[in-house]
């Protein structure tokens, strides 16, 4: 007889709450993956952009992360084809923000 059974016998009308597994979630509720997020730098039409890709979680979580990054950096960008595209070269700042949230990141290009 384990502790849960003993508690049910002592308090039969008490409803227990289901346990939630939060091993792979951050404080923001985003799913943290084991594989690194790829943060790379490109130039399109002569303008620098930073691309974050490689997220394997839910799409709405990745969109929320994109919005949070753009808001925190104060820049424009978009979410297309499972990639976050941020205007400008903000690799160092993005990597530090993502690592603070608990993500593993990998810098690619330059």
PDB file of N, CA and C in Angstrom:
ATOM      1  N   UNK A   1       0.841  -1.166   0.000  1.00  0.00           N
ATOM      2  CA  UNK A   1       0.000   0.000   0.000  1.00  0.00           C
ATOM      3  C   UNK A   1       0.903   1.251   0.000  1.00  0.00           C
ATOM      4  N   UNK A   2       0.780   2.048  -1.055  1.00  0.00           N
ATOM      5  CA  UNK A   2       1.615   3.238  -1.141  1.00  0.00           C
ATOM      6  C   UNK A   2       0.913   4.434  -0.505  1.00  0.00           C
ATOM      7  N   UNK A   3       1.571   5.558  -0.544  1.00  0.00           N
ATOM      8  CA  UNK A   3       1.087   6.763   0.118  1.00  0.00           C
ATOM      9  C   UNK A   3      -0.238   7.239  -0.475  1.00  0.00           C
ATOM     10  N   UNK A   4      -0.394   7.147  -1.782  1.00  0.00           N
ATOM     11  CA  UNK A   4      -1.634   7.579  -2.425  1.00  0.00           C
ATOM     12  C   UNK A   4      -2.826   6.771  -1.924  1.00  0.00           C
ATOM     13  N   UNK A   5      -2.652   5.446  -1.792  1.00  0.00           N
ATOM     14  CA  UNK A   5      -3.734   4.599  -1.306  1.00  0.00           C
ATOM     15  C   UNK A   5      -4.071   4.918   0.144  1.00  0.00           C
ATOM     16  N   UNK A   6      -3.064   5.173   0.952  1.00  0.00           N
ATOM     17  CA  UNK A   6      -3.299   5.523   2.351  1.00  0.00           C
ATOM     18  C   UNK A   6      -4.066   6.836   2.467  1.00  0.00           C
ATOM     19  N   UNK A   7      -3.700   7.814   1.622  1.00  0.00           N
ATOM     20  CA  UNK A   7      -4.412   9.088   1.642  1.00  0.00           C
ATOM     21  C   UNK A   7      -5.855   8.941   1.179  1.00  0.00           C
ATOM     22  N   UNK A   8      -6.098   8.072   0.207  1.00  0.00           N
ATOM     23  CA  UNK A   8      -7.472   7.833  -0.249  1.00  0.00           C
ATOM     24  C   UNK A   8      -8.304   7.194   0.851  1.00  0.00           C
ATOM     25  N   UNK A   9      -7.686   6.311   1.650  1.00  0.00           N
ATOM     26  CA  UNK A   9      -8.412   5.692   2.754  1.00  0.00           C
ATOM     27  C   UNK A   9      -8.718   6.701   3.858  1.00  0.00           C
ATOM     28  N   UNK A  10      -7.799   7.618   4.128  1.00  0.00           N
ATOM     29  CA  UNK A  10      -8.011   8.616   5.167  1.00  0.00           C
ATOM     30  C   UNK A  10      -8.995   9.705   4.745  1.00  0.00           C
ATOM     31  N   UNK A  11      -8.916  10.123   3.479  1.00  0.00           N
ATOM     32  CA  UNK A  11      -9.764  11.192   2.951  1.00  0.00           C
ATOM     33  C   UNK A  11     -10.472  10.711   1.691  1.00  0.00           C
ATOM     34  N   UNK A  12     -11.560   9.925   1.836  1.00  0.00           N
ATOM     35  CA  UNK A  12     -12.203   9.331   0.658  1.00  0.00           C
ATOM     36  C   UNK A  12     -12.900  10.342  -0.254  1.00  0.00           C
ATOM     37  N   UNK A  13     -13.371  11.464   0.302  1.00  0.00           N
ATOM     38  CA  UNK A  13     -14.091  12.418  -0.543  1.00  0.00           C
ATOM     39  C   UNK A  13     -13.185  13.478  -1.155  1.00  0.00           C
ATOM     40  N   UNK A  14     -11.900  13.440  -0.871  1.00  0.00           N
ATOM     41  CA  UNK A  14     -10.933  14.386  -1.430  1.00  0.00           C
ATOM     42  C   UNK A  14     -10.545  13.936  -2.835  1.00  0.00           C
ATOM     43  N   UNK A  15     -10.607  14.839  -3.781  1.00  0.00           N
ATOM     44  CA  UNK A  15     -10.235  14.535  -5.155  1.00  0.00           C
ATOM     45  C   UNK A  15      -8.777  14.928  -5.352  1.00  0.00           C
ATOM     46  N   UNK A  16      -7.974  14.007  -5.831  1.00  0.00           N
ATOM     47  CA  UNK A  16      -6.569  14.313  -6.063  1.00  0.00           C
ATOM     48  C   UNK A  16      -6.388  14.931  -7.440  1.00  0.00           C
ATOM     49  N   UNK A  17      -5.440  15.855  -7.534  1.00  0.00           N
ATOM     50  CA  UNK A  17      -5.145  16.501  -8.807  1.00  0.00           C
ATOM     51  C   UNK A  17      -4.160  15.646  -9.579  1.00  0.00           C
ATOM     52  N   UNK A  18      -4.350  15.525 -10.895  1.00  0.00           N
ATOM     53  CA  UNK A  18      -3.394  14.744 -11.680  1.00  0.00           C
ATOM     54  C   UNK A  18      -2.036  15.419 -11.707  1.00  0.00           C
ATOM     55  N   UNK A  19      -1.009  14.614 -11.684  1.00  0.00           N
ATOM     56  CA  UNK A  19       0.348  15.150 -11.727  1.00  0.00           C
ATOM     57  C   UNK A  19       0.683  15.566 -13.144  1.00  0.00           C
ATOM     58  N   UNK A  20       1.319  16.713 -13.281  1.00  0.00           N
ATOM     59  CA  UNK A  20       1.721  17.180 -14.604  1.00  0.00           C
ATOM     60  C   UNK A  20       3.219  17.026 -14.738  1.00  0.00           C
ATOM     61  N   UNK A  21       3.638  16.564 -15.892  1.00  0.00           N
ATOM     62  CA  UNK A  21       5.057  16.379 -16.159  1.00  0.00           C
ATOM     63  C   UNK A  21       5.602  17.631 -16.814  1.00  0.00           C
ATOM     64  N   UNK A  22       6.448  18.361 -16.108  1.00  0.00           N
ATOM     65  CA  UNK A  22       7.008  19.611 -16.630  1.00  0.00           C
ATOM     66  C   UNK A  22       8.502  19.485 -16.874  1.00  0.00           C
ATOM     67  N   UNK A  23       8.956  18.299 -17.226  1.00  0.00           N
ATOM     68  CA  UNK A  23      10.388  18.118 -17.407  1.00  0.00           C
ATOM     69  C   UNK A  23      10.900  18.821 -18.660  1.00  0.00           C
ATOM     70  N   UNK A  24      10.086  18.922 -19.705  1.00  0.00           N
ATOM     71  CA  UNK A  24      10.549  19.522 -20.947  1.00  0.00           C
ATOM     72  C   UNK A  24       9.861  20.839 -21.257  1.00  0.00           C
ATOM     73  N   UNK A  25       9.401  21.556 -20.241  1.00  0.00           N
ATOM     74  CA  UNK A  25       8.785  22.849 -20.499  1.00  0.00           C
ATOM     75  C   UNK A  25       9.535  23.931 -19.739  1.00  0.00           C
ATOM     76  N   UNK A  26       9.529  25.119 -20.326  1.00  0.00           N
ATOM     77  CA  UNK A  26      10.179  26.248 -19.674  1.00  0.00           C
ATOM     78  C   UNK A  26       9.172  26.961 -18.789  1.00  0.00           C
ATOM     79  N   UNK A  27       9.595  28.029 -18.151  1.00  0.00           N
ATOM     80  CA  UNK A  27       8.691  28.785 -17.301  1.00  0.00           C
ATOM     81  C   UNK A  27       7.605  29.466 -18.115  1.00  0.00           C
ATOM     82  N   UNK A  28       7.809  29.657 -19.419  1.00  0.00           N
ATOM     83  CA  UNK A  28       6.815  30.283 -20.285  1.00  0.00           C
ATOM     84  C   UNK A  28       5.831  29.275 -20.851  1.00  0.00           C
ATOM     85  N   UNK A  29       6.014  28.011 -20.581  1.00  0.00           N
ATOM     86  CA  UNK A  29       5.144  26.980 -21.110  1.00  0.00           C
ATOM     87  C   UNK A  29       5.584  26.473 -22.470  1.00  0.00           C
ATOM     88  N   UNK A  30       6.718  26.895 -22.969  1.00  0.00           N
ATOM     89  CA  UNK A  30       7.224  26.426 -24.249  1.00  0.00           C
ATOM     90  C   UNK A  30       7.900  25.078 -24.065  1.00  0.00           C
ATOM     91  N   UNK A  31       7.761  24.215 -25.048  1.00  0.00           N
ATOM     92  CA  UNK A  31       8.369  22.898 -24.982  1.00  0.00           C
ATOM     93  C   UNK A  31       9.847  23.021 -25.319  1.00  0.00           C
ATOM     94  N   UNK A  32      10.696  22.517 -24.421  1.00  0.00           N
ATOM     95  CA  UNK A  32      12.147  22.555 -24.614  1.00  0.00           C
ATOM     96  C   UNK A  32      12.585  21.226 -25.201  1.00  0.00           C
ATOM     97  N   UNK A  33      13.272  21.286 -26.317  1.00  0.00           N
ATOM     98  CA  UNK A  33      13.690  20.071 -27.012  1.00  0.00           C
ATOM     99  C   UNK A  33      15.124  19.723 -26.699  1.00  0.00           C
ATOM    100  N   UNK A  34      15.494  18.495 -27.030  1.00  0.00           N
ATOM    101  CA  UNK A  34      16.856  18.036 -26.790  1.00  0.00           C
ATOM    102  C   UNK A  34      17.819  18.488 -27.882  1.00  0.00           C
ATOM    103  N   UNK A  35      17.332  18.592 -29.132  1.00  0.00           N
ATOM    104  CA  UNK A  35      18.178  19.006 -30.240  1.00  0.00           C
ATOM    105  C   UNK A  35      18.351  20.526 -30.203  1.00  0.00           C
ATOM    106  N   UNK A  36      19.484  21.025 -30.681  1.00  0.00           N
ATOM    107  CA  UNK A  36      19.699  22.472 -30.646  1.00  0.00           C
ATOM    108  C   UNK A  36      18.892  23.205 -31.716  1.00  0.00           C
ATOM    109  N   UNK A  37      18.538  24.442 -31.407  1.00  0.00           N
ATOM    110  CA  UNK A  37      17.945  25.329 -32.396  1.00  0.00           C
ATOM    111  C   UNK A  37      19.084  25.923 -33.215  1.00  0.00           C
ATOM    112  N   UNK A  38      18.911  25.981 -34.524  1.00  0.00           N
ATOM    113  CA  UNK A  38      19.927  26.507 -35.425  1.00  0.00           C
ATOM    114  C   UNK A  38      19.671  28.002 -35.610  1.00  0.00           C
ATOM    115  N   UNK A  39      20.668  28.813 -35.321  1.00  0.00           N
ATOM    116  CA  UNK A  39      20.584  30.256 -35.485  1.00  0.00           C
ATOM    117  C   UNK A  39      21.612  30.649 -36.540  1.00  0.00           C
ATOM    118  N   UNK A  40      21.129  31.046 -37.718  1.00  0.00           N
ATOM    119  CA  UNK A  40      22.068  31.356 -38.794  1.00  0.00           C
ATOM    120  C   UNK A  40      21.818  32.742 -39.375  1.00  0.00           C
ATOM    121  N   UNK A  41      22.828  33.233 -40.048  1.00  0.00           N
ATOM    122  CA  UNK A  41      22.850  34.580 -40.611  1.00  0.00           C
ATOM    123  C   UNK A  41      22.867  34.470 -42.126  1.00  0.00           C
ATOM    124  N   UNK A  42      22.030  35.263 -42.779  1.00  0.00           N
ATOM    125  CA  UNK A  42      22.011  35.316 -44.244  1.00  0.00           C
ATOM    126  C   UNK A  42      21.816  36.765 -44.671  1.00  0.00           C
ATOM    127  N   UNK A  43      22.073  36.992 -45.939  1.00  0.00           N
ATOM    128  CA  UNK A  43      21.752  38.268 -46.553  1.00  0.00           C
ATOM    129  C   UNK A  43      20.774  38.000 -47.682  1.00  0.00           C
ATOM    130  N   UNK A  44      19.670  38.707 -47.655  1.00  0.00           N
ATOM    131  CA  UNK A  44      18.681  38.603 -48.728  1.00  0.00           C
ATOM    132  C   UNK A  44      18.456  39.998 -49.285  1.00  0.00           C
ATOM    133  N   UNK A  45      18.658  40.131 -50.582  1.00  0.00           N
ATOM    134  CA  UNK A  45      18.538  41.419 -51.264  1.00  0.00           C
ATOM    135  C   UNK A  45      19.423  42.474 -50.608  1.00  0.00           C
ATOM    136  N   UNK A  46      20.606  42.053 -50.143  1.00  0.00           N
ATOM    137  CA  UNK A  46      21.572  42.962 -49.555  1.00  0.00           C
ATOM    138  C   UNK A  46      21.313  43.318 -48.103  1.00  0.00           C
ATOM    139  N   UNK A  47      20.242  42.806 -47.521  1.00  0.00           N
ATOM    140  CA  UNK A  47      19.908  43.138 -46.132  1.00  0.00           C
ATOM    141  C   UNK A  47      20.169  41.930 -45.237  1.00  0.00           C
ATOM    142  N   UNK A  48      20.744  42.143 -44.053  1.00  0.00           N
ATOM    143  CA  UNK A  48      21.027  41.018 -43.161  1.00  0.00           C
ATOM    144  C   UNK A  48      19.772  40.525 -42.445  1.00  0.00           C
ATOM    145  N   UNK A  49      19.658  39.211 -42.306  1.00  0.00           N
ATOM    146  CA  UNK A  49      18.570  38.606 -41.544  1.00  0.00           C
ATOM    147  C   UNK A  49      19.138  37.476 -40.699  1.00  0.00           C
ATOM    148  N   UNK A  50      18.452  37.175 -39.612  1.00  0.00           N
ATOM    149  CA  UNK A  50      18.798  36.064 -38.742  1.00  0.00           C
ATOM    150  C   UNK A  50      17.665  35.057 -38.818  1.00  0.00           C
ATOM    151  N   UNK A  51      18.016  33.787 -39.011  1.00  0.00           N
ATOM    152  CA  UNK A  51      17.020  32.730 -39.147  1.00  0.00           C
ATOM    153  C   UNK A  51      17.191  31.734 -38.004  1.00  0.00           C
ATOM    154  N   UNK A  52      16.096  31.413 -37.320  1.00  0.00           N
ATOM    155  CA  UNK A  52      16.098  30.392 -36.277  1.00  0.00           C
ATOM    156  C   UNK A  52      15.229  29.248 -36.794  1.00  0.00           C
ATOM    157  N   UNK A  53      15.787  28.046 -36.791  1.00  0.00           N
ATOM    158  CA  UNK A  53      15.043  26.884 -37.281  1.00  0.00           C
ATOM    159  C   UNK A  53      15.428  25.654 -36.471  1.00  0.00           C
ATOM    160  N   UNK A  54      14.661  24.596 -36.676  1.00  0.00           N
ATOM    161  CA  UNK A  54      14.966  23.332 -36.023  1.00  0.00           C
ATOM    162  C   UNK A  54      14.101  23.036 -34.814  1.00  0.00           C
ATOM    163  N   UNK A  55      13.012  23.774 -34.598  1.00  0.00           N
ATOM    164  CA  UNK A  55      12.126  23.521 -33.454  1.00  0.00           C
ATOM    165  C   UNK A  55      11.193  22.375 -33.797  1.00  0.00           C
ATOM    166  N   UNK A  56      11.106  21.394 -32.924  1.00  0.00           N
ATOM    167  CA  UNK A  56      10.288  20.216 -33.207  1.00  0.00           C
ATOM    168  C   UNK A  56       9.003  20.190 -32.392  1.00  0.00           C
ATOM    169  N   UNK A  57       8.703  21.240 -31.655  1.00  0.00           N
ATOM    170  CA  UNK A  57       7.490  21.295 -30.845  1.00  0.00           C
ATOM    171  C   UNK A  57       6.297  21.754 -31.668  1.00  0.00           C
ATOM    172  N   UNK A  58       5.264  22.203 -30.977  1.00  0.00           N
ATOM    173  CA  UNK A  58       4.045  22.673 -31.628  1.00  0.00           C
ATOM    174  C   UNK A  58       4.286  23.994 -32.350  1.00  0.00           C
ATOM    175  N   UNK A  59       3.552  24.185 -33.433  1.00  0.00           N
ATOM    176  CA  UNK A  59       3.717  25.388 -34.243  1.00  0.00           C
ATOM    177  C   UNK A  59       3.335  26.640 -33.464  1.00  0.00           C
ATOM    178  N   UNK A  60       2.247  26.575 -32.673  1.00  0.00           N
ATOM    179  CA  UNK A  60       1.834  27.773 -31.943  1.00  0.00           C
ATOM    180  C   UNK A  60       2.857  28.160 -30.872  1.00  0.00           C
ATOM    181  N   UNK A  61       3.599  27.183 -30.324  1.00  0.00           N
ATOM    182  CA  UNK A  61       4.672  27.511 -29.383  1.00  0.00           C
ATOM    183  C   UNK A  61       5.805  28.255 -30.090  1.00  0.00           C
ATOM    184  N   UNK A  62       6.127  27.809 -31.305  1.00  0.00           N
ATOM    185  CA  UNK A  62       7.199  28.447 -32.073  1.00  0.00           C
ATOM    186  C   UNK A  62       6.786  29.858 -32.501  1.00  0.00           C
ATOM    187  N   UNK A  63       5.510  30.034 -32.846  1.00  0.00           N
ATOM    188  CA  UNK A  63       5.013  31.362 -33.192  1.00  0.00           C
ATOM    189  C   UNK A  63       5.060  32.292 -31.986  1.00  0.00           C
ATOM    190  N   UNK A  64       4.716  31.769 -30.811  1.00  0.00           N
ATOM    191  CA  UNK A  64       4.775  32.577 -29.591  1.00  0.00           C
ATOM    192  C   UNK A  64       6.217  32.977 -29.284  1.00  0.00           C
ATOM    193  N   UNK A  65       7.148  32.044 -29.513  1.00  0.00           N
ATOM    194  CA  UNK A  65       8.563  32.348 -29.316  1.00  0.00           C
ATOM    195  C   UNK A  65       9.026  33.421 -30.294  1.00  0.00           C
ATOM    196  N   UNK A  66       8.558  33.348 -31.542  1.00  0.00           N
ATOM    197  CA  UNK A  66       8.910  34.354 -32.542  1.00  0.00           C
ATOM    198  C   UNK A  66       8.423  35.733 -32.122  1.00  0.00           C
ATOM    199  N   UNK A  67       7.191  35.798 -31.665  1.00  0.00           N
ATOM    200  CA  UNK A  67       6.640  37.082 -31.240  1.00  0.00           C
ATOM    201  C   UNK A  67       7.400  37.636 -30.051  1.00  0.00           C
ATOM    202  N   UNK A  68       7.741  36.774 -29.110  1.00  0.00           N
ATOM    203  CA  UNK A  68       8.475  37.221 -27.929  1.00  0.00           C
ATOM    204  C   UNK A  68       9.868  37.726 -28.286  1.00  0.00           C
ATOM    205  N   UNK A  69      10.558  37.017 -29.190  1.00  0.00           N
ATOM    206  CA  UNK A  69      11.894  37.454 -29.617  1.00  0.00           C
ATOM    207  C   UNK A  69      11.828  38.806 -30.317  1.00  0.00           C
ATOM    208  N   UNK A  70      10.878  38.968 -31.234  1.00  0.00           N
ATOM    209  CA  UNK A  70      10.768  40.226 -31.971  1.00  0.00           C
ATOM    210  C   UNK A  70      10.419  41.383 -31.045  1.00  0.00           C
ATOM    211  N   UNK A  71       9.570  41.127 -30.061  1.00  0.00           N
ATOM    212  CA  UNK A  71       9.196  42.167 -29.105  1.00  0.00           C
ATOM    213  C   UNK A  71      10.375  42.552 -28.228  1.00  0.00           C
ATOM    214  N   UNK A  72      11.096  41.550 -27.752  1.00  0.00           N
ATOM    215  CA  UNK A  72      12.228  41.813 -26.864  1.00  0.00           C
ATOM    216  C   UNK A  72      13.354  42.549 -27.580  1.00  0.00           C
ATOM    217  N   UNK A  73      13.571  42.215 -28.849  1.00  0.00           N
ATOM    218  CA  UNK A  73      14.634  42.871 -29.609  1.00  0.00           C
ATOM    219  C   UNK A  73      14.179  44.194 -30.223  1.00  0.00           C
ATOM    220  N   UNK A  74      12.873  44.375 -30.370  1.00  0.00           N
ATOM    221  CA  UNK A  74      12.361  45.606 -30.958  1.00  0.00           C
ATOM    222  C   UNK A  74      12.599  45.684 -32.452  1.00  0.00           C
ATOM    223  N   UNK A  75      12.505  44.547 -33.138  1.00  0.00           N
ATOM    224  CA  UNK A  75      12.743  44.507 -34.580  1.00  0.00           C
ATOM    225  C   UNK A  75      11.578  43.814 -35.265  1.00  0.00           C
ATOM    226  N   UNK A  76      11.568  43.888 -36.577  1.00  0.00           N
ATOM    227  CA  UNK A  76      10.557  43.209 -37.360  1.00  0.00           C
ATOM    228  C   UNK A  76      11.001  41.813 -37.729  1.00  0.00           C
ATOM    229  N   UNK A  77      10.079  41.052 -38.247  1.00  0.00           N
ATOM    230  CA  UNK A  77      10.392  39.704 -38.673  1.00  0.00           C
ATOM    231  C   UNK A  77       9.116  38.953 -39.013  1.00  0.00           C
ATOM    232  N   UNK A  78       9.265  37.667 -39.267  1.00  0.00           N
ATOM    233  CA  UNK A  78       8.103  36.864 -39.616  1.00  0.00           C
ATOM    234  C   UNK A  78       8.341  35.413 -39.236  1.00  0.00           C
ATOM    235  N   UNK A  79       7.277  34.622 -39.367  1.00  0.00           N
ATOM    236  CA  UNK A  79       7.336  33.192 -39.126  1.00  0.00           C
ATOM    237  C   UNK A  79       6.834  32.515 -40.391  1.00  0.00           C
ATOM    238  N   UNK A  80       7.744  31.815 -41.089  1.00  0.00           N
ATOM    239  CA  UNK A  80       7.389  31.140 -42.337  1.00  0.00           C
ATOM    240  C   UNK A  80       8.100  29.804 -42.410  1.00  0.00           C
ATOM    241  N   UNK A  81       7.428  28.802 -42.904  1.00  0.00           N
ATOM    242  CA  UNK A  81       8.013  27.485 -43.181  1.00  0.00           C
ATOM    243  C   UNK A  81       8.797  26.934 -41.984  1.00  0.00           C
ATOM    244  N   UNK A  82       8.211  27.022 -40.795  1.00  0.00           N
ATOM    245  CA  UNK A  82       8.848  26.551 -39.558  1.00  0.00           C
ATOM    246  C   UNK A  82      10.192  27.228 -39.311  1.00  0.00           C
ATOM    247  N   UNK A  83      10.300  28.486 -39.671  1.00  0.00           N
ATOM    248  CA  UNK A  83      11.495  29.292 -39.422  1.00  0.00           C
ATOM    249  C   UNK A  83      11.062  30.636 -38.862  1.00  0.00           C
ATOM    250  N   UNK A  84      11.852  31.143 -37.923  1.00  0.00           N
ATOM    251  CA  UNK A  84      11.662  32.511 -37.455  1.00  0.00           C
ATOM    252  C   UNK A  84      12.677  33.365 -38.201  1.00  0.00           C
ATOM    253  N   UNK A  85      12.197  34.376 -38.900  1.00  0.00           N
ATOM    254  CA  UNK A  85      13.070  35.280 -39.646  1.00  0.00           C
ATOM    255  C   UNK A  85      13.033  36.632 -38.954  1.00  0.00           C
ATOM    256  N   UNK A  86      14.195  37.088 -38.484  1.00  0.00           N
ATOM    257  CA  UNK A  86      14.314  38.362 -37.779  1.00  0.00           C
ATOM    258  C   UNK A  86      15.168  39.286 -38.630  1.00  0.00           C
ATOM    259  N   UNK A  87      14.709  40.530 -38.794  1.00  0.00           N
ATOM    260  CA  UNK A  87      15.449  41.498 -39.589  1.00  0.00           C
ATOM    261  C   UNK A  87      16.668  41.975 -38.828  1.00  0.00           C
ATOM    262  N   UNK A  88      17.848  41.829 -39.430  1.00  0.00           N
ATOM    263  CA  UNK A  88      19.093  42.273 -38.813  1.00  0.00           C
ATOM    264  C   UNK A  88      19.914  41.114 -38.282  1.00  0.00           C
ATOM    265  N   UNK A  89      21.154  41.414 -37.926  1.00  0.00           N
ATOM    266  CA  UNK A  89      22.058  40.403 -37.390  1.00  0.00           C
ATOM    267  C   UNK A  89      22.026  40.473 -35.866  1.00  0.00           C
ATOM    268  N   UNK A  90      21.170  39.656 -35.259  1.00  0.00           N
ATOM    269  CA  UNK A  90      20.995  39.625 -33.809  1.00  0.00           C
ATOM    270  C   UNK A  90      21.310  38.245 -33.246  1.00  0.00           C
ATOM    271  N   UNK A  91      22.249  37.533 -33.870  1.00  0.00           N
ATOM    272  CA  UNK A  91      22.538  36.157 -33.438  1.00  0.00           C
ATOM    273  C   UNK A  91      22.950  36.075 -31.980  1.00  0.00           C
ATOM    274  N   UNK A  92      23.860  36.939 -31.544  1.00  0.00           N
ATOM    275  CA  UNK A  92      24.350  36.867 -30.163  1.00  0.00           C
ATOM    276  C   UNK A  92      23.235  37.126 -29.152  1.00  0.00           C
ATOM    277  N   UNK A  93      22.423  38.143 -29.410  1.00  0.00           N
ATOM    278  CA  UNK A  93      21.325  38.462 -28.495  1.00  0.00           C
ATOM    279  C   UNK A  93      20.273  37.354 -28.489  1.00  0.00           C
ATOM    280  N   UNK A  94      19.953  36.827 -29.664  1.00  0.00           N
ATOM    281  CA  UNK A  94      18.956  35.760 -29.761  1.00  0.00           C
ATOM    282  C   UNK A  94      19.448  34.505 -29.053  1.00  0.00           C
ATOM    283  N   UNK A  95      20.710  34.164 -29.249  1.00  0.00           N
ATOM    284  CA  UNK A  95      21.261  32.976 -28.597  1.00  0.00           C
ATOM    285  C   UNK A  95      21.231  33.140 -27.084  1.00  0.00           C
ATOM    286  N   UNK A  96      21.574  34.320 -26.582  1.00  0.00           N
ATOM    287  CA  UNK A  96      21.548  34.517 -25.127  1.00  0.00           C
ATOM    288  C   UNK A  96      20.122  34.457 -24.582  1.00  0.00           C
ATOM    289  N   UNK A  97      19.154  34.992 -25.316  1.00  0.00           N
ATOM    290  CA  UNK A  97      17.753  34.935 -24.886  1.00  0.00           C
ATOM    291  C   UNK A  97      17.261  33.489 -24.866  1.00  0.00           C
ATOM    292  N   UNK A  98      17.565  32.746 -25.926  1.00  0.00           N
ATOM    293  CA  UNK A  98      17.112  31.359 -26.004  1.00  0.00           C
ATOM    294  C   UNK A  98      17.773  30.495 -24.936  1.00  0.00           C
ATOM    295  N   UNK A  99      19.059  30.719 -24.670  1.00  0.00           N
ATOM    296  CA  UNK A  99      19.734  29.940 -23.631  1.00  0.00           C
ATOM    297  C   UNK A  99      19.197  30.287 -22.256  1.00  0.00           C
ATOM    298  N   UNK A 100      18.806  31.529 -22.046  1.00  0.00           N
ATOM    299  CA  UNK A 100      18.193  31.926 -20.781  1.00  0.00           C
ATOM    300  C   UNK A 100      16.853  31.221 -20.579  1.00  0.00           C
ATOM    301  N   UNK A 101      16.138  30.960 -21.668  1.00  0.00           N
ATOM    302  CA  UNK A 101      14.872  30.241 -21.599  1.00  0.00           C
ATOM    303  C   UNK A 101      15.054  28.738 -21.438  1.00  0.00           C
ATOM    304  N   UNK A 102      16.280  28.237 -21.659  1.00  0.00           N
ATOM    305  CA  UNK A 102      16.539  26.821 -21.484  1.00  0.00           C
ATOM    306  C   UNK A 102      16.779  26.044 -22.762  1.00  0.00           C
ATOM    307  N   UNK A 103      16.783  26.727 -23.907  1.00  0.00           N
ATOM    308  CA  UNK A 103      17.018  26.060 -25.180  1.00  0.00           C
ATOM    309  C   UNK A 103      18.503  25.834 -25.401  1.00  0.00           C
ATOM    310  N   UNK A 104      18.813  24.790 -26.147  1.00  0.00           N
ATOM    311  CA  UNK A 104      20.180  24.552 -26.615  1.00  0.00           C
ATOM    312  C   UNK A 104      20.253  25.192 -27.999  1.00  0.00           C
ATOM    313  N   UNK A 105      21.272  25.985 -28.253  1.00  0.00           N
ATOM    314  CA  UNK A 105      21.375  26.675 -29.532  1.00  0.00           C
ATOM    315  C   UNK A 105      22.696  26.359 -30.200  1.00  0.00           C
ATOM    316  N   UNK A 106      22.697  26.520 -31.508  1.00  0.00           N
ATOM    317  CA  UNK A 106      23.899  26.305 -32.311  1.00  0.00           C
ATOM    318  C   UNK A 106      24.008  27.470 -33.284  1.00  0.00           C
ATOM    319  N   UNK A 107      25.153  28.142 -33.278  1.00  0.00           N
ATOM    320  CA  UNK A 107      25.392  29.266 -34.179  1.00  0.00           C
ATOM    321  C   UNK A 107      25.986  28.770 -35.469  1.00  0.00           C
ATOM    322  N   UNK A 108      25.394  29.189 -36.588  1.00  0.00           N
ATOM    323  CA  UNK A 108      25.846  28.744 -37.896  1.00  0.00           C
ATOM    324  C   UNK A 108      26.133  29.973 -38.742  1.00  0.00           C
ATOM    325  N   UNK A 109      27.261  29.975 -39.419  1.00  0.00           N
ATOM    326  CA  UNK A 109      27.588  31.034 -40.364  1.00  0.00           C
ATOM    327  C   UNK A 109      28.297  32.210 -39.726  1.00  0.00           C
ATOM    328  N   UNK A 110      29.554  32.368 -40.049  1.00  0.00           N
ATOM    329  CA  UNK A 110      30.321  33.530 -39.651  1.00  0.00           C
ATOM    330  C   UNK A 110      30.619  33.719 -38.240  1.00  0.00           C
TER     331      UNK A 110
END
